[in-house]
Amino acid sequence: MKRVFVFQDFKSQKFWSVDVQGTDVVVNYGKLGTEGQTQVKNYPTVEEAEKAANKLIAEKTKKGYVETAEETAREMKVEAKKYTLSYDEYENDVKLLDKILKDKHLPEYKQITVGCWDYEGEDCSALLEGMLEHKDKFAHLEGLFWGDIDWEEQEISWIEQTDLSPLLNALPKLKDLKIKGTNNLRLGQTSRPELRSLEIISGGLPTEVVE
């Protein structure tokens, strides 16, 4: 019997399925909303094929995949996207806010990830202010990963943050918040009863951030 699993987080929106057909194990995987790719592996016996499929299922569920009805998975849409600047875009004075606002699918995403906004150690104040000016375009968000910057772009200790509380106050539906980097980070005294998860990734956690 075919079994379908879905994985969703701030950056990944994908499905994976496995079906034992006699001595063949058929695996289909890809991005939600696509047909994906199919791989077939043959085993000497049906028992070995089933054992292999169960092992794959265990591996996927351990990684956070959730079993879902096939019809439901087919109807699911991508609900998250990462926005970031490449070095070439930065050199050509492309603004990350402009990239975000020009995305016609922004209203469809429940979660967004904000990646590299600068390659010279500047903080995120300009981006933050721009998003606040257009806060109506972000009010529907339920998840935010702020500062997902790779080490090739900036070391984690170089990421300059700012007071994010004005942005948090502008996101009434926010349930999941993830932040990378704590230099000058402030979260304010805002009360967020609907927030269900907060994750801070850093090389050190200043007392001011905890307070």
C-alpha atoms as a PDB file:
ATOM      1  CA  MET A   1       0.000   0.000   0.000  1.00  0.00           C
ATOM      2  CA  LYS A   2       1.288   3.446  -0.934  1.00  0.00           C
ATOM      3  CA  ARG A   3       2.111   5.696   2.014  1.00  0.00           C
ATOM      4  CA  VAL A   4       2.602   9.442   1.672  1.00  0.00           C
ATOM      5  CA  PHE A   5       4.488  11.807   3.988  1.00  0.00           C
ATOM      6  CA  VAL A   6       4.881  15.591   4.049  1.00  0.00           C
ATOM      7  CA  PHE A   7       7.583  17.803   5.528  1.00  0.00           C
ATOM      8  CA  GLN A   8       7.038  21.524   6.094  1.00  0.00           C
ATOM      9  CA  ASP A   9       9.167  24.118   7.826  1.00  0.00           C
ATOM     10  CA  PHE A  10      10.348  27.666   7.160  1.00  0.00           C
ATOM     11  CA  LYS A  11      12.314  26.668   4.059  1.00  0.00           C
ATOM     12  CA  SER A  12      11.181  23.229   2.913  1.00  0.00           C
ATOM     13  CA  GLN A  13       7.773  22.226   1.602  1.00  0.00           C
ATOM     14  CA  LYS A  14       8.073  18.700   0.224  1.00  0.00           C
ATOM     15  CA  PHE A  15       6.458  15.293  -0.013  1.00  0.00           C
ATOM     16  CA  TRP A  16       7.796  11.748  -0.031  1.00  0.00           C
ATOM     17  CA  SER A  17       5.940   8.511  -0.733  1.00  0.00           C
ATOM     18  CA  VAL A  18       6.793   4.830  -0.799  1.00  0.00           C
ATOM     19  CA  ASP A  19       4.933   1.924  -2.360  1.00  0.00           C
ATOM     20  CA  VAL A  20       5.897  -1.750  -2.274  1.00  0.00           C
ATOM     21  CA  GLN A  21       4.899  -3.383  -5.548  1.00  0.00           C
ATOM     22  CA  GLY A  22       5.881  -7.021  -5.306  1.00  0.00           C
ATOM     23  CA  THR A  23       9.659  -7.001  -4.957  1.00  0.00           C
ATOM     24  CA  ASP A  24       9.933  -3.377  -6.113  1.00  0.00           C
ATOM     25  CA  VAL A  25      10.083  -0.379  -3.770  1.00  0.00           C
ATOM     26  CA  VAL A  26       8.798   2.701  -5.579  1.00  0.00           C
ATOM     27  CA  VAL A  27       9.730   6.047  -4.050  1.00  0.00           C
ATOM     28  CA  ASN A  28       8.338   9.388  -5.235  1.00  0.00           C
ATOM     29  CA  TYR A  29       9.545  12.689  -3.808  1.00  0.00           C
ATOM     30  CA  GLY A  30       9.676  16.385  -4.542  1.00  0.00           C
ATOM     31  CA  LYS A  31       8.327  19.851  -3.823  1.00  0.00           C
ATOM     32  CA  LEU A  32       4.679  20.169  -2.871  1.00  0.00           C
ATOM     33  CA  GLY A  33       2.547  20.988  -5.883  1.00  0.00           C
ATOM     34  CA  THR A  34       4.799  19.103  -8.327  1.00  0.00           C
ATOM     35  CA  GLU A  35       4.857  15.549  -9.671  1.00  0.00           C
ATOM     36  CA  GLY A  36       8.307  15.030  -8.178  1.00  0.00           C
ATOM     37  CA  GLN A  37      10.807  12.347  -9.128  1.00  0.00           C
ATOM     38  CA  THR A  38      10.393   8.584  -8.991  1.00  0.00           C
ATOM     39  CA  GLN A  39      12.959   5.933  -8.103  1.00  0.00           C
ATOM     40  CA  VAL A  40      12.480   2.174  -8.210  1.00  0.00           C
ATOM     41  CA  LYS A  41      14.652  -0.374  -6.437  1.00  0.00           C
ATOM     42  CA  ASN A  42      14.231  -4.128  -6.751  1.00  0.00           C
ATOM     43  CA  TYR A  43      14.801  -6.655  -3.942  1.00  0.00           C
ATOM     44  CA  PRO A  44      15.167 -10.452  -4.050  1.00  0.00           C
ATOM     45  CA  THR A  45      11.967 -11.077  -2.069  1.00  0.00           C
ATOM     46  CA  VAL A  46       8.760  -9.314  -1.072  1.00  0.00           C
ATOM     47  CA  GLU A  47       9.797  -9.550   2.571  1.00  0.00           C
ATOM     48  CA  GLU A  48      13.066  -7.752   1.901  1.00  0.00           C
ATOM     49  CA  ALA A  49      11.250  -5.061  -0.093  1.00  0.00           C
ATOM     50  CA  GLU A  50       8.815  -4.448   2.772  1.00  0.00           C
ATOM     51  CA  LYS A  51      11.653  -4.356   5.281  1.00  0.00           C
ATOM     52  CA  ALA A  52      13.502  -1.775   3.160  1.00  0.00           C
ATOM     53  CA  ALA A  53      10.360   0.353   2.837  1.00  0.00           C
ATOM     54  CA  ASN A  54       9.773   0.295   6.603  1.00  0.00           C
ATOM     55  CA  LYS A  55      13.362   1.352   7.183  1.00  0.00           C
ATOM     56  CA  LEU A  56      12.946   4.307   4.812  1.00  0.00           C
ATOM     57  CA  ILE A  57       9.712   5.311   6.551  1.00  0.00           C
ATOM     58  CA  ALA A  58      11.437   5.252   9.938  1.00  0.00           C
ATOM     59  CA  GLU A  59      14.210   7.473   8.588  1.00  0.00           C
ATOM     60  CA  LYS A  60      11.763   9.991   7.157  1.00  0.00           C
ATOM     61  CA  THR A  61       9.568  10.222  10.249  1.00  0.00           C
ATOM     62  CA  LYS A  62      12.673  10.719  12.364  1.00  0.00           C
ATOM     63  CA  LYS A  63      13.480  13.749  10.190  1.00  0.00           C
ATOM     64  CA  GLY A  64      10.044  15.232  10.814  1.00  0.00           C
ATOM     65  CA  TYR A  65       7.962  13.930   7.917  1.00  0.00           C
ATOM     66  CA  VAL A  66       4.297  13.466   8.816  1.00  0.00           C
ATOM     67  CA  GLU A  67       2.107  10.805   7.204  1.00  0.00           C
ATOM     68  CA  THR A  68      -0.692  12.389   5.189  1.00  0.00           C
ATOM     69  CA  ALA A  69      -3.532  11.134   3.012  1.00  0.00           C
ATOM     70  CA  GLU A  70      -2.455  11.078  -0.628  1.00  0.00           C
ATOM     71  CA  GLU A  71      -5.344  13.272  -1.787  1.00  0.00           C
ATOM     72  CA  THR A  72      -4.581  15.807   0.933  1.00  0.00           C
ATOM     73  CA  ALA A  73      -0.907  15.909  -0.016  1.00  0.00           C
ATOM     74  CA  ARG A  74      -1.784  16.495  -3.674  1.00  0.00           C
ATOM     75  CA  GLU A  75      -3.920  19.497  -2.758  1.00  0.00           C
ATOM     76  CA  MET A  76      -1.333  21.052  -0.444  1.00  0.00           C
ATOM     77  CA  LYS A  77       0.473  24.131  -1.690  1.00  0.00           C
ATOM     78  CA  VAL A  78       3.859  25.605  -0.895  1.00  0.00           C
ATOM     79  CA  GLU A  79       3.326  27.820   2.147  1.00  0.00           C
ATOM     80  CA  ALA A  80       6.851  29.082   2.779  1.00  0.00           C
ATOM     81  CA  LYS A  81       9.654  30.839   0.949  1.00  0.00           C
ATOM     82  CA  LYS A  82      13.116  32.177   1.675  1.00  0.00           C
ATOM     83  CA  TYR A  83      14.104  35.643   0.484  1.00  0.00           C
ATOM     84  CA  THR A  84      17.785  36.529   0.335  1.00  0.00           C
ATOM     85  CA  LEU A  85      20.295  38.586  -1.646  1.00  0.00           C
ATOM     86  CA  SER A  86      23.088  37.025  -3.640  1.00  0.00           C
ATOM     87  CA  TYR A  87      26.409  38.878  -3.641  1.00  0.00           C
ATOM     88  CA  ASP A  88      25.885  39.920  -7.268  1.00  0.00           C
ATOM     89  CA  GLU A  89      22.469  41.361  -6.412  1.00  0.00           C
ATOM     90  CA  TYR A  90      23.971  43.253  -3.505  1.00  0.00           C
ATOM     91  CA  GLU A  91      26.741  44.638  -5.734  1.00  0.00           C
ATOM     92  CA  ASN A  92      24.076  45.815  -8.187  1.00  0.00           C
ATOM     93  CA  ASP A  93      22.226  47.606  -5.376  1.00  0.00           C
ATOM     94  CA  VAL A  94      19.219  45.290  -5.365  1.00  0.00           C
ATOM     95  CA  LYS A  95      17.173  45.733  -2.191  1.00  0.00           C
ATOM     96  CA  LEU A  96      15.852  42.691  -0.381  1.00  0.00           C
ATOM     97  CA  LEU A  97      12.594  44.456   0.460  1.00  0.00           C
ATOM     98  CA  ASP A  98      11.961  45.075  -3.245  1.00  0.00           C
ATOM     99  CA  LYS A  99      12.458  41.365  -3.993  1.00  0.00           C
ATOM    100  CA  ILE A 100       9.933  40.448  -1.328  1.00  0.00           C
ATOM    101  CA  LEU A 101       7.301  42.977  -2.325  1.00  0.00           C
ATOM    102  CA  LYS A 102       7.549  42.080  -6.021  1.00  0.00           C
ATOM    103  CA  ASP A 103       6.681  38.431  -5.322  1.00  0.00           C
ATOM    104  CA  LYS A 104       3.062  38.050  -6.407  1.00  0.00           C
ATOM    105  CA  HIS A 105       2.796  34.858  -4.343  1.00  0.00           C
ATOM    106  CA  LEU A 106       3.655  36.579  -1.040  1.00  0.00           C
ATOM    107  CA  PRO A 107      -0.011  36.622   0.100  1.00  0.00           C
ATOM    108  CA  GLU A 108      -0.100  32.815  -0.287  1.00  0.00           C
ATOM    109  CA  TYR A 109       2.795  32.095   2.071  1.00  0.00           C
ATOM    110  CA  LYS A 110       2.149  31.412   5.737  1.00  0.00           C
ATOM    111  CA  GLN A 111       5.850  31.460   6.568  1.00  0.00           C
ATOM    112  CA  ILE A 112       8.778  33.404   5.179  1.00  0.00           C
ATOM    113  CA  THR A 113      12.493  33.270   5.820  1.00  0.00           C
ATOM    114  CA  VAL A 114      14.580  36.430   5.621  1.00  0.00           C
ATOM    115  CA  GLY A 115      18.138  35.663   4.591  1.00  0.00           C
ATOM    116  CA  CYS A 116      21.162  37.831   3.855  1.00  0.00           C
ATOM    117  CA  TRP A 117      20.299  41.524   3.584  1.00  0.00           C
ATOM    118  CA  ASP A 118      23.863  42.903   3.548  1.00  0.00           C
ATOM    119  CA  TYR A 119      27.451  41.795   2.916  1.00  0.00           C
ATOM    120  CA  GLU A 120      29.241  44.564   4.821  1.00  0.00           C
ATOM    121  CA  GLY A 121      28.005  44.007   8.354  1.00  0.00           C
ATOM    122  CA  GLU A 122      25.131  46.491   8.335  1.00  0.00           C
ATOM    123  CA  ASP A 123      22.163  45.785  10.583  1.00  0.00           C
ATOM    124  CA  CYS A 124      18.626  45.063   9.388  1.00  0.00           C
ATOM    125  CA  SER A 125      17.099  48.421  10.366  1.00  0.00           C
ATOM    126  CA  ALA A 126      16.390  49.563   6.806  1.00  0.00           C
ATOM    127  CA  LEU A 127      14.705  46.267   5.927  1.00  0.00           C
ATOM    128  CA  LEU A 128      12.711  46.346   9.150  1.00  0.00           C
ATOM    129  CA  GLU A 129      11.500  49.901   8.544  1.00  0.00           C
ATOM    130  CA  GLY A 130      10.500  49.018   4.994  1.00  0.00           C
ATOM    131  CA  MET A 131       8.475  46.041   6.114  1.00  0.00           C
ATOM    132  CA  LEU A 132       6.732  48.170   8.733  1.00  0.00           C
ATOM    133  CA  GLU A 133       5.772  50.658   6.009  1.00  0.00           C
ATOM    134  CA  HIS A 134       4.102  47.777   4.169  1.00  0.00           C
ATOM    135  CA  LYS A 135       2.965  45.870   7.253  1.00  0.00           C
ATOM    136  CA  ASP A 136      -0.414  45.061   5.699  1.00  0.00           C
ATOM    137  CA  LYS A 137       1.383  42.776   3.238  1.00  0.00           C
ATOM    138  CA  PHE A 138       2.876  40.730   6.105  1.00  0.00           C
ATOM    139  CA  ALA A 139       0.031  40.686   8.625  1.00  0.00           C
ATOM    140  CA  HIS A 140      -1.094  37.216   7.477  1.00  0.00           C
ATOM    141  CA  LEU A 141       2.206  35.512   8.353  1.00  0.00           C
ATOM    142  CA  GLU A 142       2.194  32.695  10.892  1.00  0.00           C
ATOM    143  CA  GLY A 143       5.907  31.925  10.781  1.00  0.00           C
ATOM    144  CA  LEU A 144       9.050  34.048  10.477  1.00  0.00           C
ATOM    145  CA  PHE A 145      12.724  33.026  10.315  1.00  0.00           C
ATOM    146  CA  TRP A 146      14.720  36.230  10.589  1.00  0.00           C
ATOM    147  CA  GLY A 147      18.423  36.226   9.690  1.00  0.00           C
ATOM    148  CA  ASP A 148      18.953  32.855   8.006  1.00  0.00           C
ATOM    149  CA  ILE A 149      22.429  33.835   6.817  1.00  0.00           C
ATOM    150  CA  ASP A 150      24.925  31.143   5.771  1.00  0.00           C
ATOM    151  CA  TRP A 151      28.490  31.219   7.055  1.00  0.00           C
ATOM    152  CA  GLU A 152      29.750  31.871   3.509  1.00  0.00           C
ATOM    153  CA  GLU A 153      27.773  35.133   3.592  1.00  0.00           C
ATOM    154  CA  GLN A 154      28.511  36.158   7.176  1.00  0.00           C
ATOM    155  CA  GLU A 155      29.753  34.426  10.283  1.00  0.00           C
ATOM    156  CA  ILE A 156      27.024  34.144  12.899  1.00  0.00           C
ATOM    157  CA  SER A 157      28.946  36.475  15.217  1.00  0.00           C
ATOM    158  CA  TRP A 158      28.856  39.179  12.515  1.00  0.00           C
ATOM    159  CA  ILE A 159      25.089  39.243  12.034  1.00  0.00           C
ATOM    160  CA  GLU A 160      23.792  42.602  13.231  1.00  0.00           C
ATOM    161  CA  GLN A 161      20.219  42.624  14.471  1.00  0.00           C
ATOM    162  CA  THR A 162      18.096  45.398  15.936  1.00  0.00           C
ATOM    163  CA  ASP A 163      14.948  45.865  18.020  1.00  0.00           C
ATOM    164  CA  LEU A 164      12.471  43.521  16.314  1.00  0.00           C
ATOM    165  CA  SER A 165       9.537  44.256  18.634  1.00  0.00           C
ATOM    166  CA  PRO A 166       7.865  46.734  16.215  1.00  0.00           C
ATOM    167  CA  LEU A 167       7.778  44.026  13.547  1.00  0.00           C
ATOM    168  CA  LEU A 168       6.448  41.422  15.970  1.00  0.00           C
ATOM    169  CA  ASN A 169       3.670  43.799  16.956  1.00  0.00           C
ATOM    170  CA  ALA A 170       2.773  44.125  13.272  1.00  0.00           C
ATOM    171  CA  LEU A 171       2.344  40.353  12.854  1.00  0.00           C
ATOM    172  CA  PRO A 172      -0.837  39.488  14.810  1.00  0.00           C
ATOM    173  CA  LYS A 173      -1.005  35.894  13.531  1.00  0.00           C
ATOM    174  CA  LEU A 174       2.623  34.991  14.241  1.00  0.00           C
ATOM    175  CA  LYS A 175       2.916  31.538  15.825  1.00  0.00           C
ATOM    176  CA  ASP A 176       6.515  30.505  15.127  1.00  0.00           C
ATOM    177  CA  LEU A 177       9.518  32.812  15.406  1.00  0.00           C
ATOM    178  CA  LYS A 178      13.110  31.882  14.643  1.00  0.00           C
ATOM    179  CA  ILE A 179      16.029  34.319  14.805  1.00  0.00           C
ATOM    180  CA  LYS A 180      19.692  33.871  13.906  1.00  0.00           C
ATOM    181  CA  GLY A 181      22.246  36.220  15.416  1.00  0.00           C
ATOM    182  CA  THR A 182      21.971  38.238  18.637  1.00  0.00           C
ATOM    183  CA  ASN A 183      24.170  41.312  18.159  1.00  0.00           C
ATOM    184  CA  ASN A 184      21.998  44.241  19.332  1.00  0.00           C
ATOM    185  CA  LEU A 185      18.917  42.024  19.211  1.00  0.00           C
ATOM    186  CA  ARG A 186      15.929  43.180  21.242  1.00  0.00           C
ATOM    187  CA  LEU A 187      12.480  41.628  21.374  1.00  0.00           C
ATOM    188  CA  GLY A 188      10.793  44.199  23.583  1.00  0.00           C
ATOM    189  CA  GLN A 189       8.149  43.607  26.227  1.00  0.00           C
ATOM    190  CA  THR A 190       5.355  42.722  23.832  1.00  0.00           C
ATOM    191  CA  SER A 191       2.878  40.053  24.941  1.00  0.00           C
ATOM    192  CA  ARG A 192       2.375  37.295  22.352  1.00  0.00           C
ATOM    193  CA  PRO A 193      -0.135  34.745  23.699  1.00  0.00           C
ATOM    194  CA  GLU A 194      -0.506  33.144  20.239  1.00  0.00           C
ATOM    195  CA  LEU A 195       3.230  32.479  19.871  1.00  0.00           C
ATOM    196  CA  ARG A 196       3.897  28.740  20.210  1.00  0.00           C
ATOM    197  CA  SER A 197       7.613  28.513  19.431  1.00  0.00           C
ATOM    198  CA  LEU A 198      10.646  30.762  19.756  1.00  0.00           C
ATOM    199  CA  GLU A 199      14.101  29.672  18.633  1.00  0.00           C
ATOM    200  CA  ILE A 200      17.232  31.806  18.808  1.00  0.00           C
ATOM    201  CA  ILE A 201      20.413  30.631  17.073  1.00  0.00           C
ATOM    202  CA  SER A 202      23.606  32.369  18.122  1.00  0.00           C
ATOM    203  CA  GLY A 203      27.205  32.032  19.193  1.00  0.00           C
ATOM    204  CA  GLY A 204      26.248  33.512  22.537  1.00  0.00           C
ATOM    205  CA  LEU A 205      23.047  34.644  24.240  1.00  0.00           C
ATOM    206  CA  PRO A 206      23.345  38.112  25.828  1.00  0.00           C
ATOM    207  CA  THR A 207      21.493  38.799  29.064  1.00  0.00           C
ATOM    208  CA  GLU A 208      19.628  41.668  27.409  1.00  0.00           C
ATOM    209  CA  VAL A 209      18.057  39.295  24.895  1.00  0.00           C
ATOM    210  CA  VAL A 210      16.882  36.920  27.632  1.00  0.00           C
ATOM    211  CA  GLU A 211      15.408  39.806  29.604  1.00  0.00           C
END
